[in-house]
Amino acid sequence: MRLITEGWRCREQRRRGLTILGVIALLLALGFATERHTASAALAETGPRHGGIYRHPLFNNPESLDPAQATSIYAGSVIHQVFDGLVQVDGKLGLRPALARFWQASQDGRVWTFQLRPGVRFHHGRELTADDVVYSFTRLLEPRNRSPSFRLFMRVQGADAFRAGTADHVAGFEVLDPYTLRITLSEPYALFIHHLVMTAAKIVPRDEVERLGEVFGQHPVGTGPFRLVRWEPDATIVLEAYPDHFRRRPYLDQLHFRIFPRSKLKAALAAFEQGELEETQLPVQVRQRLLNEPHYRVVRQPLLATLFLLLDTQPGPLHHPQVRQAINYAINREAINGTLRQGYSRTASGILPFGMPGYNFDLHGYPYDPEHARRLLAEAGYPNGQGLGPLELWTSVESDIAKAEHTAVKRALEQLGLTVQLRTASSWTQYKREIIGKRPGGIYRYAWYADFADPYNFLYTLFHSTSPGNYTNYANPQVDRLLDQAQRELDQRKRLALYRQAESLIMEDAPTVNLVYYAMERLFQPYVRGIEVQALGEHFTPMHPVWLDR
C-alpha cells in the first residue's frame, strides 16, 4: 500500500504535477498568461479580517444545487462553496486532502482506503461519517435518481449488479468504521482519485437528503465553508459563513451570487462599476478602457477550457463527415478571434486546451480554406450546398461577443451556399434539456471546462459513444477502444499517447468546430484580497480565504 497525505503524492501524480507546472511555465514564457494588479496582492499591514459581503456574478441559473444532478459551471460555482469532497485540487492542479485526512492505494490501483477527518459537521449540526460518503457515492449509481454523473463510479466492484437491481448495495463500497471507508475497483483505473474532486463527488448528509427528497437541490446541506440562506431564481443566491467549518470560519460574512441570466455581461459590468459587485468578467467591447483603469485589479489566467461549435452528427444535414469538414474549413477562426476577442484567447488548433497534459503541439486543426470547403461539399453530394437541409446555429447566451461570432459563422457558411438559422434558447435549462444534442442539423455553442487536468475529461466525456455528455451524437468504435484502453493504462506516457491517437481521429471526423481556448480575464474591486485563481475556472475558486480590505 502507498500512503498519500498533505505532503505526499503518488509517483504518477508527481509526474503529472511536474508536467502541468512545466506547461504553465511555458504559457508564461509565451506571454499567454499575464497579470496586472492581481487580486491576491500583498496583504495590508492589518492582515486578513472578518466581515463583509462578497457579491459575485453568476451568468445563468443553476439547474440544481444537488451535486448528483448538477452539470453546469453555474451550479458548480455554488456547490463548491456549500459542499466538500474527500479531496480537492490546489492552485497548481495538485491533489490535496479535504474531508479525507489521508488515503492509501494498492500498488495495482484497485483498492483505495480513506481516513476521514473526525469532528467534521454538516450545516444542520450532525457529524459526517463514512456512511455519508458511501451513501453519496451509491446515490449517484441509483437508477431511480437518474444522476447524469453515475459513470463516475461504474468501475467500482459491484456497480453493475447494483445498477441492474440484482444487488441491494455496491460491494466495492465498504464502511470499516465511522471514519474509515474502502473502495475496491473492478479493474485498474488511472483516474479514479481525480474523479473525487468533481462536483458530483461532493458529500451529502443521508438524513437530510432522505428527509427533503427531490427538493434537496433547492435546499442543499453540506459541510462546506458557506451554507445556503436563500435562492431566488433569476435574482440572487445568498450564502452565509459556516462558523464550524473544519478549516476555519471564512473571513466573509456572506457570499451573494447575483444572477445575470443568459450571460448579460453588460448588466454585470454596469453593476460592478456602480460598486454593486466585487468582481465581474472583462467584456471585450470595453477591454482596453478597463485595462488602462488603474483603480481596478485585473487578473488574467489561461484556462483548461475550450469553446466549441458542436456539430450534431445524427442522421440529418451534418451526418456526412465531409460536410462537417467543409464547415471547419469555411470558418476563419483566426480572424474571428483577432477581431472580436482582440486576440486575448488562443485560437484552438485541437480539442484539448493549451496547457492540458497530452496537448498535441503537432495538431494544427483546420486552416481557413473556403475553396477546399466547396470541394468537400461537392464530393459529399451537395455542390454549393444544394440539397442540404437548413442548419440551426444555437446558443443559450445573449452576450454581444456570442452574437457577433454567430453572425460571422452564419456569413461564412452562407458563402458556401448553406442556409443557417440563428436560434437562442430561452434559458440554459431549456438549452440543456430540450435542444443540445436533440436537433438534426443542429450546431450548438458549448464551452467545456476541465473538471481535472487529464484528457479523459474532454475526450471521453464529449466523444465516447456511451457518454451522456456526447451532445454531438458522435460514434467511432476505434475512438471508443482507444479511450477505454487509456482509462486502464497506469503508465502516464502510454496513456497520453492513446489520447493523442483518439484526438487525431476525432479531429478527422470533425464533430466540432474548435474556436478558442478560453482565458479568464476578470475585474476585481481594489479592496478584494485572497483570491486564488485556477486554470480549472472560476467555479473552482475557493472563497474561504477571501477577505475585504475596505
Foldseek 3Di string as FASTA:
>chain_A
DDKAAQVDDDPLLVVVLVLLVVLVVVCVVVVLFDFFQDQAPDDDPVGFAAEDEAEAAQAADFPFLQLQAGDDLSSLLVNLQQFDFQWAADQSQGIHGDQFRIKDADPQQFKIKTFGDWPQAKLVGDTQFLVQQQVLLVCSLAVVNVGLPVVLCCQWAQSVCVNVVNDVGHVQWAGPDRGMIMTGGNAHFQCNVLSRNFSSSTTADPVVCVVVPPCCRQQPMYRGQWHWDHDDHQAKTKIAGRQSRPVGTFRYGIYIHGYNFQRPQVVVVVCVVVVNHQKGFQAQVCNVVVVPDVQWTKGKFFAFKFKWWFAACPPALNVDLLLLLLLLQLAQLVVLCCPLVVVSFAFDQFQGFRSFVLDDPPRRFHHHDNVVSQVSCVVVVQRLNPPHDAAEEEEAHDDPSVVVSVVRSQVSVVVSVHHYHYYYDPGPVCCVPPNQLPDRRYTYTDMDFASHRHCCSGQVQQADCPHPNVSSNHYDVVLNVLSVVLRNDNDVVVSSVSSVVSRVVCSSSNSINTRTRDMTMMIGRSQKHDWSDHSRDSSSIHNSHIHGRD
